[in-house]
Amino acid sequence: SGGPGSDMASGTAAATAVTPTAGALSELGLDYYLGWGDKPEDHAQARVYFEQAADQGDAKGQYYLGKMYKHGEGGEEDHAQARKWFQEAANQGHATAQYFLGMMYKHGEGGEEDH
């Protein structure tokens, strides 16, 4: 039989093979955010997936995470975090994030007002 080393190696390979991409994490987040498909509407779960996608640099995940922080969906409301994540998505050309970021600057939400 293979012994402990071979079991660990195959377990690691299996875990790596099923790790979702950042884009897939965003899509899962959206499914839970909107209650699409077979997923119940669950903003706390959506936020978890959007956080994972955002941390991996996914612009859609960053935008939705910003939106959830701005409105306190699925967790604490935090305008500084909302502005941070809108900025990250905006830097990648996400147009809706650029709009929300501009509005947050205009109204001084999450930081200094800047017209």
Protein backbone atom coordinates (compact mmCIF):
# COMPACT_ATOMS: atom_id res chain seq x y z
CA SER A 1 0.00 0.00 0.00
CA GLY A 2 1.02 3.60 -0.58
CA GLY A 3 1.65 4.75 2.99
CA PRO A 4 0.96 8.14 4.57
CA GLY A 5 3.07 10.18 2.13
CA SER A 6 1.20 9.02 -0.95
CA ASP A 7 -2.19 9.58 0.69
CA MET A 8 -1.25 13.13 1.55
CA ALA A 9 0.00 13.83 -1.95
CA SER A 10 -3.18 12.54 -3.58
CA GLY A 11 -5.33 14.46 -1.07
CA THR A 12 -3.44 17.67 -1.86
CA ALA A 13 -3.78 17.11 -5.60
CA ALA A 14 -7.52 16.51 -5.24
CA ALA A 15 -7.97 19.66 -3.16
CA THR A 16 -6.03 21.73 -5.69
CA ALA A 17 -8.04 20.37 -8.61
CA VAL A 18 -11.36 21.60 -7.17
CA THR A 19 -10.23 25.08 -6.09
CA PRO A 20 -12.57 27.52 -7.87
CA THR A 21 -11.11 30.35 -9.93
CA ALA A 22 -11.69 33.97 -8.92
CA GLY A 23 -14.29 34.30 -11.67
CA ALA A 24 -16.11 31.18 -10.47
CA LEU A 25 -16.09 32.53 -6.91
CA SER A 26 -17.69 35.77 -8.15
CA GLU A 27 -20.37 33.78 -9.97
CA LEU A 28 -21.09 31.75 -6.81
CA GLY A 29 -21.30 34.99 -4.86
CA LEU A 30 -23.77 36.37 -7.39
CA ASP A 31 -25.87 33.20 -7.21
CA TYR A 32 -26.17 33.61 -3.42
CA TYR A 33 -26.57 37.40 -3.62
CA LEU A 34 -29.55 37.11 -5.97
CA GLY A 35 -30.84 33.66 -5.03
CA TRP A 36 -30.23 32.30 -8.53
CA GLY A 37 -30.33 28.71 -9.66
CA ASP A 38 -30.50 26.26 -6.81
CA LYS A 39 -28.90 28.73 -4.35
CA PRO A 40 -30.98 30.47 -1.67
CA GLU A 41 -30.61 34.23 -1.30
CA ASP A 42 -27.92 34.49 1.39
CA HIS A 43 -25.99 37.74 1.58
CA ALA A 44 -23.60 36.50 4.27
CA GLN A 45 -22.58 33.56 2.07
CA ALA A 46 -22.39 35.81 -1.00
CA ARG A 47 -20.05 38.13 0.88
CA VAL A 48 -17.70 35.22 1.70
CA TYR A 49 -17.42 34.29 -1.99
CA PHE A 50 -17.02 37.92 -3.09
CA GLU A 51 -14.25 38.40 -0.49
CA GLN A 52 -12.39 35.37 -1.83
CA ALA A 53 -12.78 36.54 -5.44
CA ALA A 54 -11.81 40.12 -4.55
CA ASP A 55 -8.67 38.96 -2.73
CA GLN A 56 -7.67 37.12 -5.91
CA GLY A 57 -8.06 40.33 -7.95
CA ASP A 58 -11.43 39.68 -9.61
CA ALA A 59 -13.00 43.04 -10.55
CA LYS A 60 -16.59 41.77 -10.35
CA GLY A 61 -15.94 40.33 -6.89
CA GLN A 62 -14.32 43.61 -5.81
CA TYR A 63 -17.29 45.62 -7.07
CA TYR A 64 -19.90 43.45 -5.34
CA LEU A 65 -17.87 43.35 -2.12
CA GLY A 66 -17.72 47.15 -2.21
CA LYS A 67 -21.46 47.29 -2.78
CA MET A 68 -22.10 44.95 0.15
CA TYR A 69 -19.89 47.04 2.45
CA LYS A 70 -21.57 50.25 1.28
CA HIS A 71 -25.06 48.97 2.09
CA GLY A 72 -24.20 46.67 5.03
CA GLU A 73 -25.40 43.60 3.15
CA GLY A 74 -24.30 40.27 4.61
CA GLY A 75 -22.30 41.95 7.35
CA GLU A 76 -21.09 45.24 8.71
CA GLU A 77 -21.56 48.51 6.81
CA ASP A 78 -18.14 50.06 6.25
CA HIS A 79 -17.79 52.94 3.79
CA ALA A 80 -13.98 52.98 3.97
CA GLN A 81 -13.93 49.31 2.91
CA ALA A 82 -16.55 50.01 0.24
CA ARG A 83 -14.40 52.79 -1.18
CA LYS A 84 -11.31 50.55 -1.09
CA TRP A 85 -12.98 47.74 -3.05
CA PHE A 86 -14.66 50.11 -5.52
CA GLN A 87 -11.20 51.62 -6.12
CA GLU A 88 -9.67 48.17 -6.75
CA ALA A 89 -12.40 47.30 -9.27
CA ALA A 90 -12.29 50.78 -10.85
CA ASN A 91 -8.55 50.42 -11.39
CA GLN A 92 -9.35 47.41 -13.58
CA GLY A 93 -11.86 49.38 -15.65
CA HIS A 94 -15.10 48.23 -13.95
CA ALA A 95 -17.43 51.06 -15.03
CA THR A 96 -20.08 50.66 -12.32
CA ALA A 97 -17.40 50.61 -9.63
CA GLN A 98 -15.95 53.79 -11.13
CA TYR A 99 -19.36 55.45 -10.86
CA PHE A 100 -19.92 54.39 -7.24
CA LEU A 101 -16.37 55.41 -6.32
CA GLY A 102 -16.95 58.84 -7.84
CA MET A 103 -20.20 59.25 -5.91
CA MET A 104 -18.49 58.23 -2.67
CA TYR A 105 -15.76 60.82 -3.25
CA LYS A 106 -18.37 63.45 -4.13
CA HIS A 107 -20.32 62.83 -0.92
CA GLY A 108 -17.31 62.19 1.32
CA GLU A 109 -18.37 58.62 2.10
CA GLY A 110 -15.58 56.45 3.49
CA GLY A 111 -12.99 59.20 3.41
CA GLU A 112 -12.37 62.80 2.44
CA GLU A 113 -14.78 64.59 0.14
CA ASP A 114 -13.15 65.24 -3.24
CA HIS A 115 -14.95 66.97 -6.08
